[in-house]
Amino acid sequence: MLKSTTQVALIAMIAATPLCAQGGRGEATDKVTGSGQLPAGWMVRFDPVNPRFVKPGTPPPSLTDISFVTMGTGYHITSGPAAIYYNSKDMAKGVYGVSATFHQAKSMQHEAYGIFVGGMNLQDSTQNYLYLVIRPMDGSFAIEHRSSNAAPTKLVSMAPDAAVSKDSPTDGSATNTLLIHVAKDTVHFIVNGKLVRAIAKADLGGAMTDGQAGVRVNHNISVHVDGWSVKQ
């Protein structure tokens, strides 16, 4: 039987003043004034900074560059730099499922967000995790494996799929439920109840599935994540 280990929600709102250019597209990362703290049990790992887009001497991202606070039944996140967020109790191995429902109140443009599994060594240079992200702007999804500080390996490049709910044409809002189901020999990537890709573990390019689970949020994102669960 599967049992939920935790349920969280994340809402993010973004300030409009540029901080520094960090994105792969060379665009400015929004300035966020955070408290410098995270809710109990939660940790953050920022993406490596691309030196091509950051002025020499610029300090690395810190907790004051994001806001992640408890709000209502969940959490309020504001990015800021791209990062992964995870609670140390959300470990899984063997056969399990990780899921969450994401709601954005306005368009996030070309930015993406989602969930990850198989996290290991997430606070050092040998970090490793497997993730599924969506981009509601054009109804696309991608599956990638990040190993060390190198650029992630694209197992499935960003591609459109009818399963992904697109930005509303009126206000840019969108709601999507993501699930990564790890079976004995295969990993199933599911969006809004539809299987968008099944990948044999042997074809994951070295990505592991046992380990830490969490949420991935690219830079300049405002998103609410409800029903976060890790079911073993």
Protein backbone atom coordinates (compact mmCIF):
# COMPACT_ATOMS: atom_id res chain seq x y z
CA MET A 1 0.00 0.00 0.00
CA LEU A 2 1.15 3.48 -0.78
CA LYS A 3 1.24 5.97 2.04
CA SER A 4 1.72 9.70 1.89
CA THR A 5 4.79 11.00 3.70
CA THR A 6 3.93 14.65 3.45
CA GLN A 7 1.68 17.18 1.77
CA VAL A 8 2.83 20.63 0.99
CA ALA A 9 1.78 23.55 -1.15
CA LEU A 10 3.92 26.17 -2.77
CA ILE A 11 2.81 29.58 -4.09
CA ALA A 12 5.34 31.85 -5.71
CA MET A 13 5.17 35.53 -6.59
CA ILE A 14 7.93 37.32 -8.42
CA ALA A 15 9.28 40.83 -8.01
CA ALA A 16 10.13 42.68 -11.18
CA THR A 17 13.55 44.22 -10.55
CA PRO A 18 16.46 42.38 -12.20
CA LEU A 19 19.10 40.83 -9.94
CA CYS A 20 21.58 39.31 -12.38
CA ALA A 21 21.51 37.42 -15.64
CA GLN A 22 21.56 33.72 -14.79
CA GLY A 23 19.19 31.94 -17.14
CA GLY A 24 20.42 29.92 -20.10
CA ARG A 25 18.81 32.54 -22.32
CA GLY A 26 20.92 35.23 -20.71
CA GLU A 27 17.97 37.07 -19.23
CA ALA A 28 17.83 38.84 -15.89
CA THR A 29 16.88 36.93 -12.75
CA ASP A 30 14.25 38.82 -10.80
CA LYS A 31 15.24 40.48 -7.54
CA VAL A 32 13.62 38.80 -4.55
CA THR A 33 13.98 39.86 -0.93
CA GLY A 34 13.80 36.72 1.18
CA SER A 35 13.98 36.21 4.93
CA GLY A 36 17.07 34.02 4.73
CA GLN A 37 15.17 31.11 6.26
CA LEU A 38 13.26 28.05 5.06
CA PRO A 39 10.44 26.14 6.75
CA ALA A 40 11.60 23.43 9.16
CA GLY A 41 13.10 20.41 7.42
CA TRP A 42 13.38 22.04 4.00
CA MET A 43 16.57 22.68 2.06
CA VAL A 44 17.45 24.37 -1.22
CA ARG A 45 20.11 23.71 -3.85
CA PHE A 46 20.64 26.47 -6.40
CA ASP A 47 21.58 25.71 -9.99
CA PRO A 48 25.21 26.41 -10.92
CA VAL A 49 25.64 30.03 -12.01
CA ASN A 50 26.56 30.47 -15.66
CA PRO A 51 29.66 32.72 -15.63
CA ARG A 52 28.76 34.06 -19.08
CA PHE A 53 25.79 35.89 -17.61
CA VAL A 54 27.08 37.02 -14.20
CA LYS A 55 29.45 39.90 -13.54
CA PRO A 56 32.78 38.96 -11.92
CA GLY A 57 32.61 39.30 -8.16
CA THR A 58 28.85 38.72 -7.98
CA PRO A 59 28.14 36.63 -4.85
CA PRO A 60 26.52 33.21 -5.37
CA PRO A 61 22.76 32.90 -4.80
CA SER A 62 21.64 32.76 -1.18
CA LEU A 63 18.45 32.28 0.82
CA THR A 64 17.82 36.02 0.70
CA ASP A 65 17.43 35.71 -3.09
CA ILE A 66 14.32 33.55 -2.72
CA SER A 67 11.28 33.56 -0.46
CA PHE A 68 9.98 30.23 0.80
CA VAL A 69 7.61 30.58 3.74
CA THR A 70 4.72 28.68 5.29
CA MET A 71 1.41 30.13 4.15
CA GLY A 72 -2.01 28.65 4.84
CA THR A 73 -1.95 24.90 4.29
CA GLY A 74 1.24 25.06 2.27
CA TYR A 75 4.17 27.22 1.35
CA HIS A 76 4.85 30.38 -0.57
CA ILE A 77 7.89 30.29 -2.84
CA THR A 78 9.31 33.13 -4.89
CA SER A 79 12.20 32.71 -7.31
CA GLY A 80 14.65 34.27 -7.82
CA PRO A 81 17.38 31.90 -8.99
CA ALA A 82 16.55 28.42 -10.32
CA ALA A 83 16.73 25.76 -7.62
CA ILE A 84 15.45 22.51 -6.21
CA TYR A 85 13.60 22.38 -2.88
CA TYR A 86 13.30 19.29 -0.73
CA ASN A 87 12.49 18.04 2.73
CA SER A 88 14.95 15.52 4.15
CA LYS A 89 12.11 13.21 5.22
CA ASP A 90 10.95 12.72 1.63
CA MET A 91 13.17 9.76 0.75
CA ALA A 92 11.91 6.89 -1.41
CA LYS A 93 13.25 3.65 -2.84
CA GLY A 94 12.04 0.63 -4.75
CA VAL A 95 8.52 1.01 -6.13
CA TYR A 96 6.89 4.35 -5.28
CA GLY A 97 5.18 7.46 -6.62
CA VAL A 98 5.86 11.18 -6.25
CA SER A 99 3.17 13.66 -7.24
CA ALA A 100 2.02 17.25 -6.96
CA THR A 101 -0.49 19.61 -8.51
CA PHE A 102 0.92 22.90 -9.79
CA HIS A 103 -1.13 26.05 -10.27
CA GLN A 104 0.14 29.28 -11.76
CA ALA A 105 -2.00 32.40 -11.54
CA LYS A 106 -0.29 34.02 -14.51
CA SER A 107 1.93 32.93 -17.37
CA MET A 108 5.51 31.98 -16.51
CA GLN A 109 6.49 32.50 -20.14
CA HIS A 110 9.22 30.03 -21.21
CA GLU A 111 10.13 28.99 -17.65
CA ALA A 112 9.45 25.45 -16.38
CA TYR A 113 8.81 23.72 -13.06
CA GLY A 114 8.11 20.23 -11.79
CA ILE A 115 9.25 17.38 -9.53
CA PHE A 116 12.35 15.24 -9.08
CA VAL A 117 13.33 11.83 -7.70
CA GLY A 118 16.51 9.89 -7.03
CA GLY A 119 18.29 12.81 -5.42
CA MET A 120 21.73 12.11 -4.00
CA ASN A 121 24.54 14.34 -2.67
CA LEU A 122 22.38 17.37 -3.34
CA GLN A 123 24.56 19.81 -1.43
CA ASP A 124 27.88 19.06 -3.13
CA SER A 125 29.49 18.85 -6.56
CA THR A 126 28.35 15.25 -7.10
CA GLN A 127 24.64 16.11 -6.95
CA ASN A 128 22.44 13.72 -8.90
CA TYR A 129 18.70 13.71 -9.58
CA LEU A 130 16.10 12.89 -12.24
CA TYR A 131 13.30 15.35 -12.99
CA LEU A 132 10.13 16.02 -14.93
CA VAL A 133 9.19 19.62 -15.71
CA ILE A 134 6.40 21.28 -17.65
CA ARG A 135 6.15 24.57 -19.56
CA PRO A 136 2.49 25.61 -19.73
CA MET A 137 3.26 28.52 -22.06
CA ASP A 138 3.24 26.07 -24.97
CA GLY A 139 2.05 22.88 -23.28
CA SER A 140 5.45 21.19 -23.26
CA PHE A 141 7.31 18.83 -20.94
CA ALA A 142 10.89 17.67 -20.53
CA ILE A 143 12.69 14.90 -18.65
CA GLU A 144 16.29 15.52 -17.62
CA HIS A 145 19.05 14.07 -15.46
CA ARG A 146 21.40 16.38 -13.60
CA SER A 147 24.73 14.89 -12.59
CA SER A 148 27.42 16.96 -10.84
CA ASN A 149 27.58 20.63 -11.86
CA ALA A 150 27.49 19.87 -15.58
CA ALA A 151 24.57 20.82 -17.78
CA PRO A 152 21.71 18.33 -17.38
CA THR A 153 21.35 15.41 -19.78
CA LYS A 154 18.16 15.70 -21.82
CA LEU A 155 16.42 12.33 -21.78
CA VAL A 156 13.40 13.97 -23.41
CA SER A 157 13.92 17.45 -24.82
CA MET A 158 11.17 20.01 -24.24
CA ALA A 159 8.32 18.80 -26.42
CA PRO A 160 4.61 19.63 -26.69
CA ASP A 161 2.02 17.14 -25.45
CA ALA A 162 -1.74 17.48 -25.26
CA ALA A 163 -1.62 16.23 -21.66
CA VAL A 164 -0.06 19.49 -20.47
CA SER A 165 -2.59 22.23 -19.74
CA LYS A 166 -1.50 25.44 -21.47
CA ASP A 167 -1.66 29.01 -20.24
CA SER A 168 -5.20 30.34 -20.22
CA PRO A 169 -5.66 32.77 -23.13
CA THR A 170 -7.43 35.19 -20.79
CA ASP A 171 -5.18 35.42 -17.71
CA GLY A 172 -2.27 33.02 -18.28
CA SER A 173 -3.29 30.69 -15.45
CA ALA A 174 -2.75 26.94 -15.68
CA THR A 175 -3.12 23.88 -13.46
CA ASN A 176 -1.25 20.60 -13.98
CA THR A 177 -0.81 17.45 -11.89
CA LEU A 178 2.54 15.68 -12.26
CA LEU A 179 3.42 12.14 -11.19
CA ILE A 180 6.65 10.19 -11.41
CA HIS A 181 5.92 6.51 -10.79
CA VAL A 182 8.95 4.29 -10.26
CA ALA A 183 8.23 0.65 -11.05
CA LYS A 184 10.59 -2.32 -10.86
CA ASP A 185 12.28 -1.81 -14.22
CA THR A 186 10.64 1.33 -15.65
CA VAL A 187 9.94 4.93 -14.67
CA HIS A 188 6.58 6.36 -15.74
CA PHE A 189 6.19 10.11 -16.25
CA ILE A 190 2.56 11.17 -16.03
CA VAL A 191 0.89 14.56 -16.54
CA ASN A 192 -2.77 15.08 -15.68
CA GLY A 193 -3.36 11.33 -15.59
CA LYS A 194 -1.78 10.66 -19.00
CA LEU A 195 1.44 8.74 -19.48
CA VAL A 196 3.68 11.08 -21.46
CA ARG A 197 6.77 8.84 -21.38
CA ALA A 198 7.94 5.51 -19.96
CA ILE A 199 11.69 5.04 -19.72
CA ALA A 200 13.42 1.81 -18.80
CA LYS A 201 15.78 2.22 -15.87
CA ALA A 202 18.55 0.89 -18.10
CA ASP A 203 18.02 3.89 -20.39
CA LEU A 204 18.21 6.61 -17.73
CA GLY A 205 21.85 7.39 -18.49
CA GLY A 206 23.08 6.63 -15.01
CA ALA A 207 20.28 8.40 -13.14
CA MET A 208 19.24 6.62 -9.95
CA THR A 209 15.66 6.34 -8.70
CA ASP A 210 16.30 5.60 -5.01
CA GLY A 211 16.86 8.76 -3.00
CA GLN A 212 15.51 12.21 -2.25
CA ALA A 213 12.32 13.55 -3.85
CA GLY A 214 11.43 17.20 -4.18
CA VAL A 215 10.30 20.13 -6.30
CA ARG A 216 12.20 21.90 -9.07
CA VAL A 217 11.45 25.57 -9.80
CA ASN A 218 13.28 27.49 -12.51
CA HIS A 219 14.10 31.17 -12.12
CA ASN A 220 11.45 33.89 -12.21
CA ILE A 221 8.63 31.53 -11.26
CA SER A 222 5.33 32.09 -9.41
CA VAL A 223 3.59 28.79 -8.71
CA HIS A 224 1.39 27.05 -6.15
CA VAL A 225 2.03 23.35 -5.59
CA ASP A 226 -0.65 21.39 -3.79
CA GLY A 227 -1.03 17.76 -2.77
CA TRP A 228 2.71 17.10 -2.65
CA SER A 229 3.13 13.44 -1.75
CA VAL A 230 5.68 10.66 -1.70
CA LYS A 231 3.89 7.30 -1.62
CA GLN A 232 5.96 4.21 -0.91
